[in-house]
Protein backbone atom coordinates (compact mmCIF):
# COMPACT_ATOMS: atom_id res chain seq x y z
CA MET A 1 81.47 102.66 85.38
CA ASP A 2 78.61 103.21 88.22
CA LEU A 3 76.48 105.57 86.58
CA THR A 4 75.08 107.52 89.57
CA PRO A 5 74.85 111.24 89.14
CA ALA A 6 77.29 113.12 91.61
CA LYS A 7 73.95 115.48 92.18
CA THR A 8 70.87 113.44 93.51
CA PRO A 9 68.09 114.06 91.24
CA LYS A 10 65.24 115.27 93.09
CA VAL A 11 62.99 112.61 91.66
CA VAL A 12 65.19 110.28 93.75
CA LYS A 13 64.91 112.38 97.09
CA SER A 14 61.09 112.67 96.94
CA LEU A 15 60.83 109.01 96.60
CA PHE A 16 62.26 108.69 100.24
CA PRO A 17 61.13 111.68 101.78
CA SER A 18 61.60 110.53 105.37
CA TYR A 19 65.17 110.19 104.62
CA VAL A 20 67.54 113.16 104.88
CA TRP A 21 69.28 114.32 101.45
CA ASP A 22 70.37 118.05 102.60
CA ILE A 23 70.28 120.27 105.05
CA PRO A 24 69.21 123.62 103.56
CA SER A 25 69.12 127.16 105.36
CA LYS A 26 68.05 130.38 104.47
CA HIS A 27 70.55 132.17 106.77
CA GLN A 28 73.89 130.66 106.61
CA LYS A 29 76.10 129.33 103.75
CA THR A 30 76.92 125.91 105.14
CA ILE A 31 78.31 122.55 103.45
CA TYR A 32 78.01 119.34 105.65
CA LEU A 33 80.84 117.02 104.70
CA THR A 34 80.46 113.10 105.43
CA PHE A 35 83.59 110.58 105.78
CA ASP A 36 81.96 106.92 105.20
CA ASP A 37 84.02 103.85 105.75
CA GLY A 38 86.28 104.63 108.27
CA PRO A 39 88.24 105.23 110.86
CA THR A 40 91.46 104.00 108.72
CA PRO A 41 94.84 105.04 110.22
CA GLU A 42 96.45 105.91 107.25
CA VAL A 43 93.59 108.39 106.17
CA THR A 44 91.42 109.76 108.90
CA GLU A 45 93.97 111.44 110.95
CA TRP A 46 95.21 113.15 107.51
CA VAL A 47 91.47 114.23 106.88
CA MET A 48 91.03 115.56 110.57
CA ASP A 49 94.39 117.67 110.30
CA THR A 50 93.00 118.97 106.79
CA LEU A 51 89.58 119.96 108.04
CA LYS A 52 91.06 121.63 111.12
CA ALA A 53 93.28 123.89 109.39
CA TYR A 54 90.27 125.36 107.77
CA ASN A 55 88.32 125.23 111.03
CA ALA A 56 86.10 123.24 109.49
CA LYS A 57 83.88 119.99 111.06
CA ALA A 58 82.62 117.01 109.76
CA THR A 59 80.40 113.83 110.07
CA PHE A 60 82.19 110.36 109.92
CA PHE A 61 80.27 107.32 109.39
CA CYS A 62 82.11 104.66 110.80
CA ILE A 63 82.04 100.84 110.04
CA GLY A 64 81.65 99.35 113.65
CA ASN A 65 84.49 96.77 112.80
CA ASN A 66 86.80 99.92 111.97
CA VAL A 67 85.85 101.37 115.30
CA GLU A 68 86.50 98.13 117.32
CA LYS A 69 90.02 98.04 115.61
CA HIS A 70 91.22 101.58 115.89
CA PRO A 71 89.20 102.84 119.03
CA ASP A 72 91.90 105.53 119.55
CA ILE A 73 90.95 107.50 116.21
CA PHE A 74 87.11 107.16 116.76
CA LYS A 75 88.11 109.02 120.15
CA LYS A 76 90.19 111.48 118.64
CA LEU A 77 87.35 111.98 115.94
CA ILE A 78 84.64 112.87 118.71
CA ASP A 79 87.51 115.17 121.07
CA GLU A 80 88.04 117.40 118.16
CA GLY A 81 84.37 118.05 117.88
CA HIS A 82 83.37 116.03 114.70
CA ALA A 83 79.89 114.16 114.82
CA ILE A 84 79.85 110.37 114.33
CA GLY A 85 77.14 108.17 112.05
CA ASN A 86 76.76 104.43 111.99
CA HIS A 87 77.71 102.76 109.01
CA THR A 88 77.21 99.22 109.81
CA PHE A 89 79.35 96.73 111.46
CA ASN A 90 80.20 94.73 108.27
CA HIS A 91 79.51 97.31 105.56
CA LEU A 92 76.62 95.29 104.69
CA LYS A 93 74.67 95.96 101.15
CA GLY A 94 70.91 96.04 102.52
CA TRP A 95 69.43 94.86 99.51
CA LYS A 96 71.57 91.37 99.50
CA VAL A 97 70.93 90.28 103.63
CA LYS A 98 67.78 89.56 105.47
CA THR A 99 66.23 92.44 107.46
CA SER A 100 67.06 90.79 110.48
CA THR A 101 70.70 90.12 109.84
CA TYR A 102 71.02 94.22 109.09
CA LEU A 103 69.54 95.51 111.89
CA GLU A 104 71.55 93.07 114.37
CA ASP A 105 74.39 94.21 112.19
CA VAL A 106 73.47 97.97 112.97
CA GLU A 107 72.67 97.29 116.73
CA HIS A 108 76.22 95.80 117.47
CA THR A 109 77.68 98.97 115.75
CA LYS A 110 75.88 100.51 118.12
CA THR A 111 77.15 98.89 121.26
CA ILE A 112 80.67 99.37 119.97
CA PHE A 113 80.11 102.74 119.74
CA SER A 114 78.52 103.10 123.34
CA SER A 115 81.63 100.98 124.61
CA ASN A 116 83.70 104.23 123.27
CA SER A 117 81.63 106.71 125.04
CA LYS A 118 79.45 107.81 122.21
CA THR A 119 76.21 107.14 120.83
CA THR A 120 74.37 108.45 117.73
CA SER A 121 71.07 108.29 115.72
CA LEU A 122 72.77 108.99 112.70
CA PHE A 123 72.62 106.04 110.20
CA ARG A 124 73.95 105.81 106.58
CA PRO A 125 73.55 102.59 104.46
CA PRO A 126 76.68 101.30 102.97
CA TYR A 127 76.44 101.89 99.06
CA GLY A 128 73.14 104.17 100.09
CA LYS A 129 71.38 100.72 99.57
CA LEU A 130 68.63 99.31 101.88
CA LYS A 131 65.33 97.82 101.58
CA PRO A 132 62.06 100.27 102.48
CA LYS A 133 61.46 97.36 105.47
CA GLN A 134 65.11 98.00 106.55
CA GLY A 135 64.96 101.61 106.60
CA ARG A 136 61.14 101.83 108.66
CA LYS A 137 62.28 99.54 110.96
CA LEU A 138 65.76 101.65 111.78
CA GLN A 139 63.82 104.50 111.85
CA LYS A 140 61.35 103.11 114.99
CA LEU A 141 64.40 102.25 116.42
CA GLY A 142 65.06 105.87 116.37
CA TYR A 143 67.80 106.23 113.77
CA LYS A 144 68.02 109.08 111.30
CA ILE A 145 68.70 107.92 107.90
CA MET A 146 71.28 110.27 106.22
CA MET A 147 71.70 110.12 102.78
CA TRP A 148 73.48 112.70 100.38
CA ASP A 149 73.19 115.56 98.20
CA VAL A 150 76.32 115.06 96.27
CA LEU A 151 78.63 112.18 95.75
CA SER A 152 82.29 112.98 95.03
CA PHE A 153 83.13 109.42 93.52
CA ASP A 154 86.44 109.61 95.55
CA TRP A 155 86.73 105.87 95.41
CA SER A 156 86.11 105.33 91.81
CA LYS A 157 89.60 104.28 90.05
CA GLU A 158 87.85 105.65 86.42
CA VAL A 159 87.17 109.16 88.16
CA SER A 160 90.10 111.20 88.16
CA GLU A 161 91.24 113.79 90.79
CA ILE A 162 90.18 116.39 88.44
CA GLN A 163 87.02 115.01 87.90
CA CYS A 164 86.37 114.08 91.95
CA LEU A 165 86.81 117.77 92.50
CA GLU A 166 84.49 118.78 89.78
CA ASN A 167 82.05 116.42 91.12
CA VAL A 168 81.84 118.28 94.22
CA ILE A 169 82.29 122.22 93.49
CA SER A 170 79.73 121.97 90.31
CA ASN A 171 77.29 120.26 92.23
CA ALA A 172 77.49 121.76 96.00
CA THR A 173 75.47 124.52 97.45
CA SER A 174 74.38 125.76 100.58
CA GLY A 175 72.85 122.75 102.61
CA SER A 176 74.56 120.11 100.69
CA ILE A 177 75.41 117.12 102.26
CA VAL A 178 78.57 115.80 100.50
CA VAL A 179 80.04 112.14 100.47
CA PHE A 180 83.62 111.45 100.42
CA HIS A 181 85.59 108.12 101.89
CA ASP A 182 88.36 108.20 104.37
CA SER A 183 89.51 105.03 103.24
CA LEU A 184 92.67 103.44 101.46
CA LYS A 185 90.49 103.12 98.07
CA ALA A 186 89.68 106.88 97.84
CA LYS A 187 92.73 108.17 99.41
CA ASP A 188 94.47 109.36 96.09
CA ASN A 189 91.53 111.38 94.98
CA LEU A 190 90.67 112.66 98.76
CA GLU A 191 94.11 113.76 99.18
CA PHE A 192 93.77 115.84 96.25
CA ALA A 193 90.28 116.97 96.26
CA LEU A 194 89.57 117.79 99.89
CA PRO A 195 91.95 120.61 100.41
CA LYS A 196 90.69 122.70 96.89
CA VAL A 197 87.10 121.75 98.18
CA LEU A 198 87.96 123.26 101.67
CA GLU A 199 89.79 126.34 100.06
CA TYR A 200 87.29 127.04 97.39
CA TYR A 201 84.32 127.34 99.46
CA SER A 202 85.99 129.06 102.43
CA LYS A 203 86.73 131.91 100.05
CA GLU A 204 83.25 131.76 99.01
CA GLY A 205 82.06 132.68 102.73
CA TYR A 206 80.83 128.82 103.43
CA SER A 207 81.30 127.27 106.96
CA PHE A 208 81.75 123.50 106.90
CA LYS A 209 79.55 122.16 110.03
CA ALA A 210 79.31 118.60 111.42
CA ILE A 211 75.54 117.05 111.22
CA GLU A 212 73.44 117.62 114.62
CA VAL A 213 71.84 114.37 116.15
C-alpha cells in the first residue's frame, strides 16, 4: 500500500515552494476539489451532477488522450463552469521519462485542449512525480504546477469507502486542495465519499470553488 500520508506534510511543501499545494484565504471558508484522470464517460458526468446538487465548482486535471476520445464531456465541464488542468497526454510518470519526452506530451495535450476551445496554465503531474528539471521547464513555459494538500486515496483498492471519506474530512481545511479521481479505478470509493464530503462541508459553511487560472 502507498504510505504517502493523506495530508501533505509541511516539510514536503517547503521543498518545492514554487508549486501550489493549497490556496489559503483569511476571509472565506473555501475548499478546492480536484479530479484527475478524466474525462471518463461512466464517472465524470456523475461527478458533474453531484457537484451541481451542492452548487459546487471543481477543477478537472484531464488526460489529453481521454479528452481526444470524449470531447463532448470535456466541453460540458467547461460549459458548467469548472476549471480545466493539463495532466499529460499519456499519464506519464515524470521520473521515468526524458524531460524532452515529458514536455512534448504536455504540449500535445495543450494542443488537444486548444482544439476544443480551451487553454489553461494549470498543470498537475501524474502520480505527483516529475523531475525538478521538468518542473522548471514547465514553469518557464507558463504552467502553474498544482499539487495538493489532501489525498483521498479513492483509487486504492486497499482503502475502504469509509477510510476514503475520513482521509478528506479529517484533513481538509479552508484553502485545501483535495484530490479525487474521475476514473473507473476510483469509482466505488468516489461515489461513496464525494456526496458526503460535499454535504459535510456545506453544513459547516464552506463553499467549493474551481482553481482560478
